[in-house]
Amino acid sequence: MSYYYKVFGLTCISDVELPAFSAGNENTPVDFEVKLTSKLPDFQNPTNESDEYCQYNETEFFYQVEEIARYFVRDGKEIWIEPLSEDWGSILMYFYSNSIGALLFQKNLIPFHVSGILDKDGGVWLFAAPSQTGKSTTALKLKEKGFDIFTDDTALIYVKDGKCLAVPSYPMIRAWKKTLDNQTVYSDDEASQIHTETDKYGIFFHEHFRDIPRLVKGIVFLEQEGSEIRIEKLRAMQGLENLRNNVYRGYWIEGMNKQVIQFKALTSIAQKVSFWKANRPADQPSFDTFAEAIIDQVIEVKP
């Protein structure tokens, strides 16, 4: 049996169920395939980067997780999964986080490590930060205040016809337990542990998810330090440098020979979007007032 899905605006046909993705249409042209196998294909070209767990070049990508699964991605068109266990929660977790990222790079698409919400006009506000800095918690706090979730963790950002647009990843929030404890949007019953060895949970929001490009209103870089909430607007070059640091799996760029693609994406975005830096106090329960400050000083500020 085959399954059809959408992710990052792309349609895939899959041998396995991918519950985090949104439903696709079998009458839509397929952009890539997900295949289950007992033996992965061999590399057809020399690898540019190689270590114990990962090998890749511009068009081929191999990744393995001991006692979980092995994965192979080729030409932005095919992903093979070779299970090494029956732990499908873990198998799919690594598939979502690595195989799809590699496929996007092979298609010359640059994913960014961001969460995001929609404003009342349907525009997107994106939040970029390292893991555990508060991207998901900030987005959830803004949802409590009436803003719908656009994406969690990743999105494509690009410029087309003079406008900066974003495409969401898929309708699943990946949140640490402390994030779930600090929000009221979703109950514990709606969250399921992603991986038995981590304290991270998945929450689906298929009902409110829209897999279409949206106009980017601004990008906010989140930081956590000091004792005060501070928000400041950044110059375009400051925004560009911060955004470069938030390219999803950016350490693959050189080995996949995507430096020029990345540079063009970053410079075009920096010319079209406004950037902010928002700092909240470390080790203080400040997310609610932090979200209010972002609304007052960023989202609802008239241009």
C-alpha atoms as a PDB file:
ATOM      1  CA  MET A   1       0.000   0.000   0.000  1.00  0.00           C
ATOM      2  CA  SER A   2       1.217   3.504  -0.841  1.00  0.00           C
ATOM      3  CA  TYR A   3       0.581   6.683   1.132  1.00  0.00           C
ATOM      4  CA  TYR A   4       0.559  10.259  -0.223  1.00  0.00           C
ATOM      5  CA  TYR A   5       1.734  13.208   1.869  1.00  0.00           C
ATOM      6  CA  LYS A   6       2.748  16.868   1.709  1.00  0.00           C
ATOM      7  CA  VAL A   7       5.767  18.392   3.457  1.00  0.00           C
ATOM      8  CA  PHE A   8       7.473  21.751   2.827  1.00  0.00           C
ATOM      9  CA  GLY A   9       5.101  22.188  -0.115  1.00  0.00           C
ATOM     10  CA  LEU A  10       6.338  18.954  -1.723  1.00  0.00           C
ATOM     11  CA  THR A  11       4.283  15.837  -2.468  1.00  0.00           C
ATOM     12  CA  CYS A  12       5.666  12.419  -1.600  1.00  0.00           C
ATOM     13  CA  ILE A  13       4.555   8.831  -2.058  1.00  0.00           C
ATOM     14  CA  SER A  14       5.621   6.536   0.776  1.00  0.00           C
ATOM     15  CA  ASP A  15       5.820   2.837   1.570  1.00  0.00           C
ATOM     16  CA  VAL A  16       5.307   3.669   5.269  1.00  0.00           C
ATOM     17  CA  GLU A  17       2.863   5.826   7.194  1.00  0.00           C
ATOM     18  CA  LEU A  18       4.275   9.254   8.093  1.00  0.00           C
ATOM     19  CA  PRO A  19       1.840  10.621  10.699  1.00  0.00           C
ATOM     20  CA  ALA A  20       3.615  13.952  11.162  1.00  0.00           C
ATOM     21  CA  PHE A  21       3.085  14.918   7.510  1.00  0.00           C
ATOM     22  CA  SER A  22      -0.138  16.365   6.131  1.00  0.00           C
ATOM     23  CA  ALA A  23      -2.283  14.359   3.735  1.00  0.00           C
ATOM     24  CA  GLY A  24      -1.377  14.513   0.052  1.00  0.00           C
ATOM     25  CA  ASN A  25      -3.307  13.892  -3.150  1.00  0.00           C
ATOM     26  CA  GLU A  26      -2.516  10.923  -5.359  1.00  0.00           C
ATOM     27  CA  ASN A  27      -3.461  13.015  -8.404  1.00  0.00           C
ATOM     28  CA  THR A  28      -0.715  15.559  -7.638  1.00  0.00           C
ATOM     29  CA  PRO A  29       2.691  15.084  -9.332  1.00  0.00           C
ATOM     30  CA  VAL A  30       5.081  13.342  -6.926  1.00  0.00           C
ATOM     31  CA  ASP A  31       8.236  15.254  -5.910  1.00  0.00           C
ATOM     32  CA  PHE A  32       9.943  12.403  -4.052  1.00  0.00           C
ATOM     33  CA  GLU A  33       9.496   8.812  -2.862  1.00  0.00           C
ATOM     34  CA  VAL A  34      10.031   7.192   0.538  1.00  0.00           C
ATOM     35  CA  LYS A  35      10.961   3.516   0.252  1.00  0.00           C
ATOM     36  CA  LEU A  36      11.355   0.731   2.782  1.00  0.00           C
ATOM     37  CA  THR A  37      14.275  -1.616   2.087  1.00  0.00           C
ATOM     38  CA  SER A  38      16.390  -4.371   3.583  1.00  0.00           C
ATOM     39  CA  LYS A  39      19.536  -3.080   1.843  1.00  0.00           C
ATOM     40  CA  LEU A  40      20.419   0.511   1.015  1.00  0.00           C
ATOM     41  CA  PRO A  41      21.774   1.534  -2.420  1.00  0.00           C
ATOM     42  CA  ASP A  42      25.495   2.109  -2.856  1.00  0.00           C
ATOM     43  CA  PHE A  43      27.052   5.509  -3.510  1.00  0.00           C
ATOM     44  CA  GLN A  44      27.474   6.280  -7.184  1.00  0.00           C
ATOM     45  CA  ASN A  45      29.929   9.152  -6.594  1.00  0.00           C
ATOM     46  CA  PRO A  46      32.788   9.833  -4.142  1.00  0.00           C
ATOM     47  CA  THR A  47      31.754  11.304  -0.794  1.00  0.00           C
ATOM     48  CA  ASN A  48      32.853  14.814   0.216  1.00  0.00           C
ATOM     49  CA  GLU A  49      32.291  14.297   3.940  1.00  0.00           C
ATOM     50  CA  SER A  50      32.452  11.106   5.949  1.00  0.00           C
ATOM     51  CA  ASP A  51      32.423  10.004   9.583  1.00  0.00           C
ATOM     52  CA  GLU A  52      31.241   7.003  11.584  1.00  0.00           C
ATOM     53  CA  TYR A  53      27.555   7.842  11.169  1.00  0.00           C
ATOM     54  CA  CYS A  54      27.201  10.065   8.117  1.00  0.00           C
ATOM     55  CA  GLN A  55      28.540  10.218   4.541  1.00  0.00           C
ATOM     56  CA  TYR A  56      27.458  12.531   1.751  1.00  0.00           C
ATOM     57  CA  ASN A  57      28.198  14.434  -1.415  1.00  0.00           C
ATOM     58  CA  GLU A  58      26.150  16.886  -3.476  1.00  0.00           C
ATOM     59  CA  THR A  59      23.516  14.370  -4.562  1.00  0.00           C
ATOM     60  CA  GLU A  60      23.780  11.426  -2.126  1.00  0.00           C
ATOM     61  CA  PHE A  61      23.398  11.260   1.644  1.00  0.00           C
ATOM     62  CA  PHE A  62      23.805   8.329   4.065  1.00  0.00           C
ATOM     63  CA  TYR A  63      23.014   8.440   7.778  1.00  0.00           C
ATOM     64  CA  GLN A  64      22.768   5.691  10.385  1.00  0.00           C
ATOM     65  CA  VAL A  65      21.613   5.484  13.980  1.00  0.00           C
ATOM     66  CA  GLU A  66      22.917   2.400  15.763  1.00  0.00           C
ATOM     67  CA  GLU A  67      20.239  -0.203  16.474  1.00  0.00           C
ATOM     68  CA  ILE A  68      17.539   2.131  15.054  1.00  0.00           C
ATOM     69  CA  ALA A  69      17.820   2.537  11.260  1.00  0.00           C
ATOM     70  CA  ARG A  70      19.955   3.438   8.261  1.00  0.00           C
ATOM     71  CA  TYR A  71      18.876   6.037   5.689  1.00  0.00           C
ATOM     72  CA  PHE A  72      19.895   6.961   2.143  1.00  0.00           C
ATOM     73  CA  VAL A  73      18.778  10.053   0.194  1.00  0.00           C
ATOM     74  CA  ARG A  74      19.498  10.530  -3.519  1.00  0.00           C
ATOM     75  CA  ASP A  75      19.004  13.377  -6.027  1.00  0.00           C
ATOM     76  CA  GLY A  76      16.261  15.054  -4.000  1.00  0.00           C
ATOM     77  CA  LYS A  77      13.920  12.373  -5.332  1.00  0.00           C
ATOM     78  CA  GLU A  78      14.318   9.216  -3.242  1.00  0.00           C
ATOM     79  CA  ILE A  79      14.670   8.350   0.440  1.00  0.00           C
ATOM     80  CA  TRP A  80      15.331   4.763   1.520  1.00  0.00           C
ATOM     81  CA  ILE A  81      14.779   3.575   5.103  1.00  0.00           C
ATOM     82  CA  GLU A  82      16.430   0.363   6.315  1.00  0.00           C
ATOM     83  CA  PRO A  83      15.013  -0.410   9.787  1.00  0.00           C
ATOM     84  CA  LEU A  84      17.340  -1.980  12.344  1.00  0.00           C
ATOM     85  CA  SER A  85      14.641  -2.161  15.027  1.00  0.00           C
ATOM     86  CA  GLU A  86      10.883  -2.126  15.511  1.00  0.00           C
ATOM     87  CA  ASP A  87      10.984   1.247  17.289  1.00  0.00           C
ATOM     88  CA  TRP A  88       9.121   3.214  14.615  1.00  0.00           C
ATOM     89  CA  GLY A  89       8.830   6.291  16.812  1.00  0.00           C
ATOM     90  CA  SER A  90      12.616   6.621  16.812  1.00  0.00           C
ATOM     91  CA  ILE A  91      12.982   5.535  13.177  1.00  0.00           C
ATOM     92  CA  LEU A  92      10.638   8.306  12.040  1.00  0.00           C
ATOM     93  CA  MET A  93      12.109  10.884  14.408  1.00  0.00           C
ATOM     94  CA  TYR A  94      15.499  10.579  12.700  1.00  0.00           C
ATOM     95  CA  PHE A  95      13.820  10.402   9.287  1.00  0.00           C
ATOM     96  CA  TYR A  96      12.002  13.701   9.878  1.00  0.00           C
ATOM     97  CA  SER A  97      15.017  15.480  11.324  1.00  0.00           C
ATOM     98  CA  ASN A  98      17.759  14.324   8.938  1.00  0.00           C
ATOM     99  CA  SER A  99      16.515  12.629   5.759  1.00  0.00           C
ATOM    100  CA  ILE A 100      14.087  15.424   4.873  1.00  0.00           C
ATOM    101  CA  GLY A 101      16.724  18.090   5.549  1.00  0.00           C
ATOM    102  CA  ALA A 102      19.164  16.330   3.224  1.00  0.00           C
ATOM    103  CA  LEU A 103      16.490  15.996   0.534  1.00  0.00           C
ATOM    104  CA  LEU A 104      15.735  19.733   0.681  1.00  0.00           C
ATOM    105  CA  PHE A 105      19.412  20.621   0.224  1.00  0.00           C
ATOM    106  CA  GLN A 106      19.614  18.253  -2.737  1.00  0.00           C
ATOM    107  CA  LYS A 107      16.686  20.176  -4.245  1.00  0.00           C
ATOM    108  CA  ASN A 108      18.629  23.442  -3.692  1.00  0.00           C
ATOM    109  CA  LEU A 109      16.155  24.520  -1.014  1.00  0.00           C
ATOM    110  CA  ILE A 110      17.454  26.047   2.225  1.00  0.00           C
ATOM    111  CA  PRO A 111      15.577  25.096   5.428  1.00  0.00           C
ATOM    112  CA  PHE A 112      15.895  27.289   8.508  1.00  0.00           C
ATOM    113  CA  HIS A 113      15.714  26.408  12.191  1.00  0.00           C
ATOM    114  CA  VAL A 114      12.660  28.516  13.097  1.00  0.00           C
ATOM    115  CA  SER A 115       9.226  28.370  14.668  1.00  0.00           C
ATOM    116  CA  GLY A 116       6.492  30.757  13.593  1.00  0.00           C
ATOM    117  CA  ILE A 117       3.007  32.163  14.117  1.00  0.00           C
ATOM    118  CA  LEU A 118       0.391  33.805  11.895  1.00  0.00           C
ATOM    119  CA  ASP A 119      -0.910  37.299  12.591  1.00  0.00           C
ATOM    120  CA  LYS A 120      -4.503  38.450  12.006  1.00  0.00           C
ATOM    121  CA  ASP A 121      -3.668  39.305   8.366  1.00  0.00           C
ATOM    122  CA  GLY A 122      -2.211  35.840   7.658  1.00  0.00           C
ATOM    123  CA  GLY A 123       1.373  37.082   7.676  1.00  0.00           C
ATOM    124  CA  VAL A 124       4.162  35.068   9.289  1.00  0.00           C
ATOM    125  CA  TRP A 125       6.412  36.050  12.175  1.00  0.00           C
ATOM    126  CA  LEU A 126       9.347  33.690  12.578  1.00  0.00           C
ATOM    127  CA  PHE A 127      11.447  32.992  15.683  1.00  0.00           C
ATOM    128  CA  ALA A 128      14.998  31.697  15.326  1.00  0.00           C
ATOM    129  CA  ALA A 129      17.196  30.377  18.120  1.00  0.00           C
ATOM    130  CA  PRO A 130      19.364  27.447  19.177  1.00  0.00           C
ATOM    131  CA  SER A 131      17.641  24.400  20.603  1.00  0.00           C
ATOM    132  CA  GLN A 132      16.127  24.863  24.089  1.00  0.00           C
ATOM    133  CA  THR A 133      16.270  28.669  23.872  1.00  0.00           C
ATOM    134  CA  GLY A 134      12.470  28.951  23.666  1.00  0.00           C
ATOM    135  CA  LYS A 135      11.263  28.972  20.046  1.00  0.00           C
ATOM    136  CA  SER A 136       8.402  26.551  20.667  1.00  0.00           C
ATOM    137  CA  THR A 137       7.480  27.996  24.066  1.00  0.00           C
ATOM    138  CA  THR A 138       7.352  31.529  22.660  1.00  0.00           C
ATOM    139  CA  ALA A 139       5.138  30.387  19.769  1.00  0.00           C
ATOM    140  CA  LEU A 140       2.837  28.516  22.168  1.00  0.00           C
ATOM    141  CA  LYS A 141       2.560  31.552  24.441  1.00  0.00           C
ATOM    142  CA  LEU A 142       1.595  33.646  21.418  1.00  0.00           C
ATOM    143  CA  LYS A 143      -1.018  31.022  20.508  1.00  0.00           C
ATOM    144  CA  GLU A 144      -2.469  31.441  23.983  1.00  0.00           C
ATOM    145  CA  LYS A 145      -2.876  35.099  23.035  1.00  0.00           C
ATOM    146  CA  GLY A 146      -4.720  34.366  19.794  1.00  0.00           C
ATOM    147  CA  PHE A 147      -2.018  33.770  17.156  1.00  0.00           C
ATOM    148  CA  ASP A 148      -2.164  30.459  15.249  1.00  0.00           C
ATOM    149  CA  ILE A 149       0.929  28.276  14.956  1.00  0.00           C
ATOM    150  CA  PHE A 150       2.488  28.413  11.472  1.00  0.00           C
ATOM    151  CA  THR A 151       5.349  25.963  11.950  1.00  0.00           C
ATOM    152  CA  ASP A 152       7.530  24.464  14.641  1.00  0.00           C
ATOM    153  CA  ASP A 153      11.286  24.010  14.405  1.00  0.00           C
ATOM    154  CA  THR A 154      11.789  24.421  10.632  1.00  0.00           C
ATOM    155  CA  ALA A 155      10.577  26.279   7.540  1.00  0.00           C
ATOM    156  CA  LEU A 156      11.723  27.161   4.055  1.00  0.00           C
ATOM    157  CA  ILE A 157      12.321  30.893   3.555  1.00  0.00           C
ATOM    158  CA  TYR A 158      12.882  32.366   0.108  1.00  0.00           C
ATOM    159  CA  VAL A 159      12.211  35.410  -2.067  1.00  0.00           C
ATOM    160  CA  LYS A 160       9.918  35.166  -5.076  1.00  0.00           C
ATOM    161  CA  ASP A 161       8.493  37.983  -7.207  1.00  0.00           C
ATOM    162  CA  GLY A 162       9.952  40.543  -4.828  1.00  0.00           C
ATOM    163  CA  LYS A 163       8.321  39.058  -1.705  1.00  0.00           C
ATOM    164  CA  CYS A 164       9.836  37.038   1.120  1.00  0.00           C
ATOM    165  CA  LEU A 165       7.792  33.886   1.663  1.00  0.00           C
ATOM    166  CA  ALA A 166       7.897  30.977   4.097  1.00  0.00           C
ATOM    167  CA  VAL A 167       6.612  27.423   3.724  1.00  0.00           C
ATOM    168  CA  PRO A 168       5.979  25.432   6.932  1.00  0.00           C
ATOM    169  CA  SER A 169       7.420  22.001   7.614  1.00  0.00           C
ATOM    170  CA  TYR A 170       4.658  19.771   8.946  1.00  0.00           C
ATOM    171  CA  PRO A 171       1.876  19.900  11.565  1.00  0.00           C
ATOM    172  CA  MET A 172       3.747  18.625  14.583  1.00  0.00           C
ATOM    173  CA  ILE A 173       5.138  20.590  17.504  1.00  0.00           C
ATOM    174  CA  ARG A 174       8.202  19.003  19.064  1.00  0.00           C
ATOM    175  CA  ALA A 175       8.434  20.231  22.632  1.00  0.00           C
ATOM    176  CA  TRP A 176      10.457  19.441  25.734  1.00  0.00           C
ATOM    177  CA  LYS A 177       8.489  18.444  28.838  1.00  0.00           C
ATOM    178  CA  LYS A 178       9.296  21.777  30.473  1.00  0.00           C
ATOM    179  CA  THR A 179       7.714  23.519  27.456  1.00  0.00           C
ATOM    180  CA  LEU A 180       4.512  21.500  27.832  1.00  0.00           C
ATOM    181  CA  ASP A 181       4.387  22.396  31.519  1.00  0.00           C
ATOM    182  CA  ASN A 182       4.661  26.105  30.640  1.00  0.00           C
ATOM    183  CA  GLN A 183       1.658  26.390  28.283  1.00  0.00           C
ATOM    184  CA  THR A 184      -2.122  25.917  28.355  1.00  0.00           C
ATOM    185  CA  VAL A 185      -2.908  25.398  24.647  1.00  0.00           C
ATOM    186  CA  TYR A 186      -2.495  21.620  24.600  1.00  0.00           C
ATOM    187  CA  SER A 187      -3.208  19.039  27.288  1.00  0.00           C
ATOM    188  CA  ASP A 188      -0.845  16.256  28.307  1.00  0.00           C
ATOM    189  CA  ASP A 189      -3.209  13.806  26.614  1.00  0.00           C
ATOM    190  CA  GLU A 190      -2.504  15.461  23.245  1.00  0.00           C
ATOM    191  CA  ALA A 191       1.257  14.944  23.571  1.00  0.00           C
ATOM    192  CA  SER A 192       3.158  11.709  23.019  1.00  0.00           C
ATOM    193  CA  GLN A 193       6.810  11.001  23.782  1.00  0.00           C
ATOM    194  CA  ILE A 194       8.815  11.051  20.553  1.00  0.00           C
ATOM    195  CA  HIS A 195      11.720   8.929  21.702  1.00  0.00           C
ATOM    196  CA  THR A 196      11.917   6.778  24.819  1.00  0.00           C
ATOM    197  CA  GLU A 197      15.392   8.076  25.672  1.00  0.00           C
ATOM    198  CA  THR A 198      14.574  11.806  25.468  1.00  0.00           C
ATOM    199  CA  ASP A 199      12.221  14.109  27.338  1.00  0.00           C
ATOM    200  CA  LYS A 200      10.741  15.468  24.098  1.00  0.00           C
ATOM    201  CA  TYR A 201       7.104  15.174  23.036  1.00  0.00           C
ATOM    202  CA  GLY A 202       5.156  15.531  19.808  1.00  0.00           C
ATOM    203  CA  ILE A 203       1.833  17.371  19.434  1.00  0.00           C
ATOM    204  CA  PHE A 204      -0.080  17.233  16.158  1.00  0.00           C
ATOM    205  CA  PHE A 205      -2.056  20.217  14.851  1.00  0.00           C
ATOM    206  CA  HIS A 206      -3.270  18.962  11.473  1.00  0.00           C
ATOM    207  CA  GLU A 207      -6.662  20.635  11.864  1.00  0.00           C
ATOM    208  CA  HIS A 208      -5.220  24.168  11.791  1.00  0.00           C
ATOM    209  CA  PHE A 209      -2.243  23.528   9.489  1.00  0.00           C
ATOM    210  CA  ARG A 210      -2.053  25.164   6.044  1.00  0.00           C
ATOM    211  CA  ASP A 211       0.766  23.977   3.788  1.00  0.00           C
ATOM    212  CA  ILE A 212       0.993  27.105   1.615  1.00  0.00           C
ATOM    213  CA  PRO A 213       3.570  29.907   1.231  1.00  0.00           C
ATOM    214  CA  ARG A 214       2.936  32.915   3.463  1.00  0.00           C
ATOM    215  CA  LEU A 215       4.368  36.439   3.455  1.00  0.00           C
ATOM    216  CA  VAL A 216       7.102  36.850   6.073  1.00  0.00           C
ATOM    217  CA  LYS A 217       6.476  39.966   8.176  1.00  0.00           C
ATOM    218  CA  GLY A 218       9.652  39.678  10.248  1.00  0.00           C
ATOM    219  CA  ILE A 219      12.229  37.387  11.827  1.00  0.00           C
ATOM    220  CA  VAL A 220      12.994  37.589  15.548  1.00  0.00           C
ATOM    221  CA  PHE A 221      16.186  36.069  16.969  1.00  0.00           C
ATOM    222  CA  LEU A 222      15.638  34.856  20.521  1.00  0.00           C
ATOM    223  CA  GLU A 223      18.280  35.024  23.208  1.00  0.00           C
ATOM    224  CA  GLN A 224      18.346  34.123  26.884  1.00  0.00           C
ATOM    225  CA  GLU A 225      20.613  36.033  29.252  1.00  0.00           C
ATOM    226  CA  GLY A 226      20.703  38.647  31.970  1.00  0.00           C
ATOM    227  CA  SER A 227      17.747  39.823  34.066  1.00  0.00           C
ATOM    228  CA  GLU A 228      15.667  41.974  31.683  1.00  0.00           C
ATOM    229  CA  ILE A 229      13.487  41.639  28.614  1.00  0.00           C
ATOM    230  CA  ARG A 230      15.089  43.631  25.803  1.00  0.00           C
ATOM    231  CA  ILE A 231      13.964  43.937  22.189  1.00  0.00           C
ATOM    232  CA  GLU A 232      15.863  45.803  19.494  1.00  0.00           C
ATOM    233  CA  LYS A 233      15.646  46.081  15.728  1.00  0.00           C
ATOM    234  CA  LEU A 234      18.663  44.837  13.784  1.00  0.00           C
ATOM    235  CA  ARG A 235      20.314  46.115  10.638  1.00  0.00           C
ATOM    236  CA  ALA A 236      20.058  43.966   7.529  1.00  0.00           C
ATOM    237  CA  MET A 237      23.647  42.687   7.797  1.00  0.00           C
ATOM    238  CA  GLN A 238      23.162  41.790  11.459  1.00  0.00           C
ATOM    239  CA  GLY A 239      20.038  39.889  10.502  1.00  0.00           C
ATOM    240  CA  LEU A 240      21.846  38.104   7.695  1.00  0.00           C
ATOM    241  CA  GLU A 241      24.630  36.899   9.999  1.00  0.00           C
ATOM    242  CA  ASN A 242      22.142  35.705  12.613  1.00  0.00           C
ATOM    243  CA  LEU A 243      20.066  33.962   9.968  1.00  0.00           C
ATOM    244  CA  ARG A 244      23.157  32.193   8.612  1.00  0.00           C
ATOM    245  CA  ASN A 245      23.653  30.694  12.074  1.00  0.00           C
ATOM    246  CA  ASN A 246      20.097  29.341  11.951  1.00  0.00           C
ATOM    247  CA  VAL A 247      20.296  27.433   8.666  1.00  0.00           C
ATOM    248  CA  TYR A 248      18.975  23.965   9.481  1.00  0.00           C
ATOM    249  CA  ARG A 249      21.846  21.460   9.453  1.00  0.00           C
ATOM    250  CA  GLY A 250      24.079  24.243   8.187  1.00  0.00           C
ATOM    251  CA  TYR A 251      27.189  22.125   8.794  1.00  0.00           C
ATOM    252  CA  TRP A 252      26.174  20.068   5.734  1.00  0.00           C
ATOM    253  CA  ILE A 253      26.349  23.067   3.387  1.00  0.00           C
ATOM    254  CA  GLU A 254      29.997  22.767   2.362  1.00  0.00           C
ATOM    255  CA  GLY A 255      30.013  18.990   1.885  1.00  0.00           C
ATOM    256  CA  MET A 256      26.865  19.259  -0.227  1.00  0.00           C
ATOM    257  CA  ASN A 257      28.347  22.143  -2.221  1.00  0.00           C
ATOM    258  CA  LYS A 258      25.467  24.508  -1.444  1.00  0.00           C
ATOM    259  CA  GLN A 259      27.500  27.574  -0.453  1.00  0.00           C
ATOM    260  CA  VAL A 260      26.343  29.658  -3.428  1.00  0.00           C
ATOM    261  CA  ILE A 261      22.707  28.615  -2.986  1.00  0.00           C
ATOM    262  CA  GLN A 262      22.888  29.555   0.699  1.00  0.00           C
ATOM    263  CA  PHE A 263      24.533  32.920  -0.012  1.00  0.00           C
ATOM    264  CA  LYS A 264      21.892  33.878  -2.580  1.00  0.00           C
ATOM    265  CA  ALA A 265      19.086  32.841  -0.239  1.00  0.00           C
ATOM    266  CA  LEU A 266      20.478  34.783   2.729  1.00  0.00           C
ATOM    267  CA  THR A 267      21.206  37.991   0.820  1.00  0.00           C
ATOM    268  CA  SER A 268      17.821  38.046  -0.915  1.00  0.00           C
ATOM    269  CA  ILE A 269      15.983  37.481   2.395  1.00  0.00           C
ATOM    270  CA  ALA A 270      18.008  40.202   4.141  1.00  0.00           C
ATOM    271  CA  GLN A 271      16.934  42.709   1.503  1.00  0.00           C
ATOM    272  CA  LYS A 272      13.220  42.038   2.025  1.00  0.00           C
ATOM    273  CA  VAL A 273      12.674  41.311   5.724  1.00  0.00           C
ATOM    274  CA  SER A 274      13.007  43.206   8.996  1.00  0.00           C
ATOM    275  CA  PHE A 275      14.929  41.575  11.845  1.00  0.00           C
ATOM    276  CA  TRP A 276      14.778  41.904  15.615  1.00  0.00           C
ATOM    277  CA  LYS A 277      16.698  40.517  18.573  1.00  0.00           C
ATOM    278  CA  ALA A 278      14.570  39.666  21.612  1.00  0.00           C
ATOM    279  CA  ASN A 279      16.219  38.755  24.888  1.00  0.00           C
ATOM    280  CA  ARG A 280      14.473  37.277  27.905  1.00  0.00           C
ATOM    281  CA  PRO A 281      15.961  36.671  31.356  1.00  0.00           C
ATOM    282  CA  ALA A 282      17.676  33.378  31.984  1.00  0.00           C
ATOM    283  CA  ASP A 283      16.256  31.016  34.606  1.00  0.00           C
ATOM    284  CA  GLN A 284      13.162  33.118  35.259  1.00  0.00           C
ATOM    285  CA  PRO A 285       9.470  32.378  34.489  1.00  0.00           C
ATOM    286  CA  SER A 286       9.202  35.228  31.976  1.00  0.00           C
ATOM    287  CA  PHE A 287       7.634  33.696  28.844  1.00  0.00           C
ATOM    288  CA  ASP A 288       4.221  35.305  29.313  1.00  0.00           C
ATOM    289  CA  THR A 289       5.578  38.845  29.644  1.00  0.00           C
ATOM    290  CA  PHE A 290       8.119  38.059  26.914  1.00  0.00           C
ATOM    291  CA  ALA A 291       5.309  37.170  24.503  1.00  0.00           C
ATOM    292  CA  GLU A 292       3.460  40.365  25.446  1.00  0.00           C
ATOM    293  CA  ALA A 293       6.593  42.405  24.743  1.00  0.00           C
ATOM    294  CA  ILE A 294       7.001  40.795  21.317  1.00  0.00           C
ATOM    295  CA  ILE A 295       3.374  41.616  20.484  1.00  0.00           C
ATOM    296  CA  ASP A 296       3.685  45.223  21.665  1.00  0.00           C
ATOM    297  CA  GLN A 297       7.160  45.987  20.301  1.00  0.00           C
ATOM    298  CA  VAL A 298       7.275  43.871  17.128  1.00  0.00           C
ATOM    299  CA  ILE A 299       4.090  42.286  15.819  1.00  0.00           C
ATOM    300  CA  GLU A 300       1.652  45.139  16.416  1.00  0.00           C
ATOM    301  CA  VAL A 301       4.029  48.019  15.678  1.00  0.00           C
ATOM    302  CA  LYS A 302       2.782  49.944  12.656  1.00  0.00           C
ATOM    303  CA  PRO A 303       5.323  50.261   9.821  1.00  0.00           C
END
